[in-house]
Amino acid sequence: MKSYYKSELAERAGVSSRTFSRWLRPHRQQLTAMGVTDKTQLLPPKAVRYLCDTFCIDLDE
């Protein structure tokens, strides 16, 4: 797993960046524990894995 921008994950999920940000709101506590804030653009691998598992995003890796 590698780091991804929020916009890249949104594109892979098939939604806009704004919609993706809304999807993240209920998961704020878990993401904060991983070092992700609302302003974070580049997500660490741990957060990418969590979000891919949560939202069933396939990264083709």
PDB file of N, CA and C in Angstrom:
ATOM      1  N   MET A   1       0.859  -1.173   0.000  1.00  0.00           N
ATOM      2  CA  MET A   1       0.000   0.000   0.000  1.00  0.00           C
ATOM      3  C   MET A   1       0.897   1.225   0.000  1.00  0.00           C
ATOM      4  N   LYS A   2       0.457   2.259  -0.718  1.00  0.00           N
ATOM      5  CA  LYS A   2       1.213   3.508  -0.762  1.00  0.00           C
ATOM      6  C   LYS A   2       0.291   4.676  -0.448  1.00  0.00           C
ATOM      7  N   SER A   3       0.871   5.842  -0.330  1.00  0.00           N
ATOM      8  CA  SER A   3       0.093   7.053  -0.051  1.00  0.00           C
ATOM      9  C   SER A   3      -0.689   7.465  -1.292  1.00  0.00           C
ATOM     10  N   TYR A   4      -1.875   8.015  -1.073  1.00  0.00           N
ATOM     11  CA  TYR A   4      -2.713   8.532  -2.155  1.00  0.00           C
ATOM     12  C   TYR A   4      -3.287   9.868  -1.725  1.00  0.00           C
ATOM     13  N   TYR A   5      -3.572  10.709  -2.700  1.00  0.00           N
ATOM     14  CA  TYR A   5      -4.280  11.950  -2.433  1.00  0.00           C
ATOM     15  C   TYR A   5      -5.768  11.633  -2.282  1.00  0.00           C
ATOM     16  N   LYS A   6      -6.446  12.436  -1.494  1.00  0.00           N
ATOM     17  CA  LYS A   6      -7.883  12.245  -1.319  1.00  0.00           C
ATOM     18  C   LYS A   6      -8.594  12.292  -2.662  1.00  0.00           C
ATOM     19  N   SER A   7      -8.168  13.187  -3.535  1.00  0.00           N
ATOM     20  CA  SER A   7      -8.803  13.321  -4.847  1.00  0.00           C
ATOM     21  C   SER A   7      -8.632  12.052  -5.684  1.00  0.00           C
ATOM     22  N   GLU A   8      -7.496  11.373  -5.548  1.00  0.00           N
ATOM     23  CA  GLU A   8      -7.274  10.120  -6.275  1.00  0.00           C
ATOM     24  C   GLU A   8      -8.225   9.029  -5.784  1.00  0.00           C
ATOM     25  N   LEU A   9      -8.380   8.941  -4.477  1.00  0.00           N
ATOM     26  CA  LEU A   9      -9.307   7.941  -3.931  1.00  0.00           C
ATOM     27  C   LEU A   9     -10.746   8.260  -4.316  1.00  0.00           C
ATOM     28  N   ALA A  10     -11.096   9.535  -4.319  1.00  0.00           N
ATOM     29  CA  ALA A  10     -12.446   9.934  -4.722  1.00  0.00           C
ATOM     30  C   ALA A  10     -12.700   9.518  -6.167  1.00  0.00           C
ATOM     31  N   GLU A  11     -11.715   9.744  -7.025  1.00  0.00           N
ATOM     32  CA  GLU A  11     -11.853   9.366  -8.433  1.00  0.00           C
ATOM     33  C   GLU A  11     -12.019   7.854  -8.575  1.00  0.00           C
ATOM     34  N   ARG A  12     -11.239   7.094  -7.830  1.00  0.00           N
ATOM     35  CA  ARG A  12     -11.339   5.629  -7.887  1.00  0.00           C
ATOM     36  C   ARG A  12     -12.670   5.137  -7.331  1.00  0.00           C
ATOM     37  N   ALA A  13     -13.247   5.897  -6.397  1.00  0.00           N
ATOM     38  CA  ALA A  13     -14.549   5.530  -5.828  1.00  0.00           C
ATOM     39  C   ALA A  13     -15.695   5.986  -6.732  1.00  0.00           C
ATOM     40  N   GLY A  14     -15.382   6.837  -7.716  1.00  0.00           N
ATOM     41  CA  GLY A  14     -16.404   7.298  -8.651  1.00  0.00           C
ATOM     42  C   GLY A  14     -17.251   8.433  -8.126  1.00  0.00           C
ATOM     43  N   VAL A  15     -16.692   9.223  -7.206  1.00  0.00           N
ATOM     44  CA  VAL A  15     -17.428  10.362  -6.651  1.00  0.00           C
ATOM     45  C   VAL A  15     -16.556  11.613  -6.720  1.00  0.00           C
ATOM     46  N   SER A  16     -17.171  12.761  -6.486  1.00  0.00           N
ATOM     47  CA  SER A  16     -16.420  14.010  -6.468  1.00  0.00           C
ATOM     48  C   SER A  16     -15.613  14.119  -5.174  1.00  0.00           C
ATOM     49  N   SER A  17     -14.641  15.005  -5.162  1.00  0.00           N
ATOM     50  CA  SER A  17     -13.837  15.229  -3.960  1.00  0.00           C
ATOM     51  C   SER A  17     -14.707  15.712  -2.808  1.00  0.00           C
ATOM     52  N   ARG A  18     -15.691  16.537  -3.133  1.00  0.00           N
ATOM     53  CA  ARG A  18     -16.582  17.059  -2.096  1.00  0.00           C
ATOM     54  C   ARG A  18     -17.407  15.928  -1.460  1.00  0.00           C
ATOM     55  N   THR A  19     -17.939  15.056  -2.292  1.00  0.00           N
ATOM     56  CA  THR A  19     -18.707  13.921  -1.779  1.00  0.00           C
ATOM     57  C   THR A  19     -17.820  13.012  -0.937  1.00  0.00           C
ATOM     58  N   PHE A  20     -16.594  12.771  -1.404  1.00  0.00           N
ATOM     59  CA  PHE A  20     -15.666  11.929  -0.661  1.00  0.00           C
ATOM     60  C   PHE A  20     -15.378  12.526   0.710  1.00  0.00           C
ATOM     61  N   SER A  21     -15.215  13.839   0.767  1.00  0.00           N
ATOM     62  CA  SER A  21     -14.987  14.505   2.057  1.00  0.00           C
ATOM     63  C   SER A  21     -16.171  14.310   2.987  1.00  0.00           C
ATOM     64  N   ARG A  22     -17.370  14.332   2.432  1.00  0.00           N
ATOM     65  CA  ARG A  22     -18.566  14.092   3.243  1.00  0.00           C
ATOM     66  C   ARG A  22     -18.599  12.662   3.749  1.00  0.00           C
ATOM     67  N   TRP A  23     -18.134  11.728   2.932  1.00  0.00           N
ATOM     68  CA  TRP A  23     -18.087  10.329   3.352  1.00  0.00           C
ATOM     69  C   TRP A  23     -17.136  10.156   4.527  1.00  0.00           C
ATOM     70  N   LEU A  24     -16.097  10.972   4.595  1.00  0.00           N
ATOM     71  CA  LEU A  24     -15.086  10.833   5.638  1.00  0.00           C
ATOM     72  C   LEU A  24     -15.553  11.336   7.000  1.00  0.00           C
ATOM     73  N   ARG A  25     -16.526  12.210   7.030  1.00  0.00           N
ATOM     74  CA  ARG A  25     -16.972  12.817   8.296  1.00  0.00           C
ATOM     75  C   ARG A  25     -17.285  11.810   9.396  1.00  0.00           C
ATOM     76  N   PRO A  26     -18.061  10.753   9.145  1.00  0.00           N
ATOM     77  CA  PRO A  26     -18.361   9.802  10.231  1.00  0.00           C
ATOM     78  C   PRO A  26     -17.129   9.021  10.703  1.00  0.00           C
ATOM     79  N   HIS A  27     -16.061   9.064   9.935  1.00  0.00           N
ATOM     80  CA  HIS A  27     -14.846   8.310  10.253  1.00  0.00           C
ATOM     81  C   HIS A  27     -13.740   9.218  10.779  1.00  0.00           C
ATOM     82  N   ARG A  28     -14.093  10.429  11.146  1.00  0.00           N
ATOM     83  CA  ARG A  28     -13.104  11.429  11.575  1.00  0.00           C
ATOM     84  C   ARG A  28     -12.256  10.944  12.751  1.00  0.00           C
ATOM     85  N   GLN A  29     -12.872  10.284  13.720  1.00  0.00           N
ATOM     86  CA  GLN A  29     -12.137   9.833  14.902  1.00  0.00           C
ATOM     87  C   GLN A  29     -11.058   8.808  14.531  1.00  0.00           C
ATOM     88  N   GLN A  30     -11.407   7.838  13.701  1.00  0.00           N
ATOM     89  CA  GLN A  30     -10.436   6.835  13.280  1.00  0.00           C
ATOM     90  C   GLN A  30      -9.324   7.472  12.446  1.00  0.00           C
ATOM     91  N   LEU A  31      -9.687   8.396  11.567  1.00  0.00           N
ATOM     92  CA  LEU A  31      -8.693   9.039  10.705  1.00  0.00           C
ATOM     93  C   LEU A  31      -7.765   9.941  11.509  1.00  0.00           C
ATOM     94  N   THR A  32      -8.302  10.627  12.506  1.00  0.00           N
ATOM     95  CA  THR A  32      -7.468  11.478  13.362  1.00  0.00           C
ATOM     96  C   THR A  32      -6.429  10.632  14.087  1.00  0.00           C
ATOM     97  N   ALA A  33      -6.805   9.452  14.507  1.00  0.00           N
ATOM     98  CA  ALA A  33      -5.862   8.550  15.169  1.00  0.00           C
ATOM     99  C   ALA A  33      -4.741   8.124  14.226  1.00  0.00           C
ATOM    100  N   MET A  34      -4.992   8.184  12.916  1.00  0.00           N
ATOM    101  CA  MET A  34      -3.984   7.837  11.912  1.00  0.00           C
ATOM    102  C   MET A  34      -3.205   9.056  11.431  1.00  0.00           C
ATOM    103  N   GLY A  35      -3.497  10.218  12.028  1.00  0.00           N
ATOM    104  CA  GLY A  35      -2.778  11.433  11.663  1.00  0.00           C
ATOM    105  C   GLY A  35      -3.397  12.220  10.523  1.00  0.00           C
ATOM    106  N   VAL A  36      -4.647  11.938  10.200  1.00  0.00           N
ATOM    107  CA  VAL A  36      -5.331  12.614   9.101  1.00  0.00           C
ATOM    108  C   VAL A  36      -6.257  13.682   9.661  1.00  0.00           C
ATOM    109  N   THR A  37      -6.143  14.909   9.140  1.00  0.00           N
ATOM    110  CA  THR A  37      -7.036  16.000   9.522  1.00  0.00           C
ATOM    111  C   THR A  37      -7.908  16.362   8.324  1.00  0.00           C
ATOM    112  N   ASP A  38      -8.803  17.316   8.511  1.00  0.00           N
ATOM    113  CA  ASP A  38      -9.650  17.767   7.406  1.00  0.00           C
ATOM    114  C   ASP A  38      -8.818  18.375   6.278  1.00  0.00           C
ATOM    115  N   LYS A  39      -7.708  18.992   6.628  1.00  0.00           N
ATOM    116  CA  LYS A  39      -6.854  19.679   5.653  1.00  0.00           C
ATOM    117  C   LYS A  39      -5.844  18.754   4.972  1.00  0.00           C
ATOM    118  N   THR A  40      -5.666  17.551   5.485  1.00  0.00           N
ATOM    119  CA  THR A  40      -4.711  16.614   4.910  1.00  0.00           C
ATOM    120  C   THR A  40      -5.126  16.243   3.494  1.00  0.00           C
ATOM    121  N   GLN A  41      -4.199  16.358   2.556  1.00  0.00           N
ATOM    122  CA  GLN A  41      -4.488  15.976   1.175  1.00  0.00           C
ATOM    123  C   GLN A  41      -3.871  14.624   0.827  1.00  0.00           C
ATOM    124  N   LEU A  42      -2.612  14.415   1.246  1.00  0.00           N
ATOM    125  CA  LEU A  42      -1.923  13.158   0.977  1.00  0.00           C
ATOM    126  C   LEU A  42      -2.132  12.223   2.162  1.00  0.00           C
ATOM    127  N   LEU A  43      -2.848  11.139   1.910  1.00  0.00           N
ATOM    128  CA  LEU A  43      -3.192  10.194   2.966  1.00  0.00           C
ATOM    129  C   LEU A  43      -2.091   9.158   3.151  1.00  0.00           C
ATOM    130  N   PRO A  44      -1.733   8.854   4.394  1.00  0.00           N
ATOM    131  CA  PRO A  44      -0.719   7.825   4.643  1.00  0.00           C
ATOM    132  C   PRO A  44      -1.274   6.440   4.289  1.00  0.00           C
ATOM    133  N   PRO A  45      -0.376   5.494   4.019  1.00  0.00           N
ATOM    134  CA  PRO A  45      -0.817   4.137   3.622  1.00  0.00           C
ATOM    135  C   PRO A  45      -1.817   3.493   4.576  1.00  0.00           C
ATOM    136  N   LYS A  46      -1.650   3.699   5.871  1.00  0.00           N
ATOM    137  CA  LYS A  46      -2.564   3.114   6.855  1.00  0.00           C
ATOM    138  C   LYS A  46      -3.994   3.638   6.652  1.00  0.00           C
ATOM    139  N   ALA A  47      -4.115   4.931   6.406  1.00  0.00           N
ATOM    140  CA  ALA A  47      -5.427   5.532   6.176  1.00  0.00           C
ATOM    141  C   ALA A  47      -6.008   5.086   4.836  1.00  0.00           C
ATOM    142  N   VAL A  48      -5.157   4.948   3.828  1.00  0.00           N
ATOM    143  CA  VAL A  48      -5.618   4.485   2.513  1.00  0.00           C
ATOM    144  C   VAL A  48      -6.207   3.088   2.636  1.00  0.00           C
ATOM    145  N   ARG A  49      -5.518   2.212   3.337  1.00  0.00           N
ATOM    146  CA  ARG A  49      -6.019   0.840   3.516  1.00  0.00           C
ATOM    147  C   ARG A  49      -7.364   0.860   4.244  1.00  0.00           C
ATOM    148  N   TYR A  50      -7.474   1.650   5.305  1.00  0.00           N
ATOM    149  CA  TYR A  50      -8.716   1.750   6.072  1.00  0.00           C
ATOM    150  C   TYR A  50      -9.866   2.218   5.170  1.00  0.00           C
ATOM    151  N   LEU A  51      -9.624   3.271   4.395  1.00  0.00           N
ATOM    152  CA  LEU A  51     -10.676   3.817   3.542  1.00  0.00           C
ATOM    153  C   LEU A  51     -11.047   2.860   2.413  1.00  0.00           C
ATOM    154  N   CYS A  52     -10.064   2.196   1.836  1.00  0.00           N
ATOM    155  CA  CYS A  52     -10.353   1.229   0.774  1.00  0.00           C
ATOM    156  C   CYS A  52     -11.190   0.069   1.302  1.00  0.00           C
ATOM    157  N   ASP A  53     -10.866  -0.392   2.495  1.00  0.00           N
ATOM    158  CA  ASP A  53     -11.652  -1.472   3.103  1.00  0.00           C
ATOM    159  C   ASP A  53     -13.054  -0.997   3.465  1.00  0.00           C
ATOM    160  N   THR A  54     -13.152   0.220   3.983  1.00  0.00           N
ATOM    161  CA  THR A  54     -14.442   0.764   4.418  1.00  0.00           C
ATOM    162  C   THR A  54     -15.383   1.037   3.244  1.00  0.00           C
ATOM    163  N   PHE A  55     -14.836   1.622   2.162  1.00  0.00           N
ATOM    164  CA  PHE A  55     -15.668   2.032   1.029  1.00  0.00           C
ATOM    165  C   PHE A  55     -15.549   1.111  -0.180  1.00  0.00           C
ATOM    166  N   CYS A  56     -14.888  -0.039   0.002  1.00  0.00           N
ATOM    167  CA  CYS A  56     -14.726  -1.028  -1.093  1.00  0.00           C
ATOM    168  C   CYS A  56     -14.130  -0.398  -2.351  1.00  0.00           C
ATOM    169  N   ILE A  57     -13.030   0.317  -2.165  1.00  0.00           N
ATOM    170  CA  ILE A  57     -12.331   0.940  -3.285  1.00  0.00           C
ATOM    171  C   ILE A  57     -11.238  -0.012  -3.735  1.00  0.00           C
ATOM    172  N   ASP A  58     -11.250  -0.360  -5.013  1.00  0.00           N
ATOM    173  CA  ASP A  58     -10.242  -1.259  -5.578  1.00  0.00           C
ATOM    174  C   ASP A  58      -9.128  -0.425  -6.206  1.00  0.00           C
ATOM    175  N   LEU A  59      -7.905  -0.622  -5.724  1.00  0.00           N
ATOM    176  CA  LEU A  59      -6.767   0.149  -6.231  1.00  0.00           C
ATOM    177  C   LEU A  59      -5.991  -0.601  -7.305  1.00  0.00           C
ATOM    178  N   ASP A  60      -6.401  -1.807  -7.639  1.00  0.00           N
ATOM    179  CA  ASP A  60      -5.717  -2.608  -8.676  1.00  0.00           C
ATOM    180  C   ASP A  60      -4.236  -2.774  -8.394  1.00  0.00           C
ATOM    181  N   GLU A  61      -3.895  -3.069  -7.134  1.00  0.00           N
ATOM    182  CA  GLU A  61      -2.488  -3.266  -6.794  1.00  0.00           C
ATOM    183  C   GLU A  61      -2.179  -4.732  -6.653  1.00  0.00           C
TER     184      GLU A  61
END
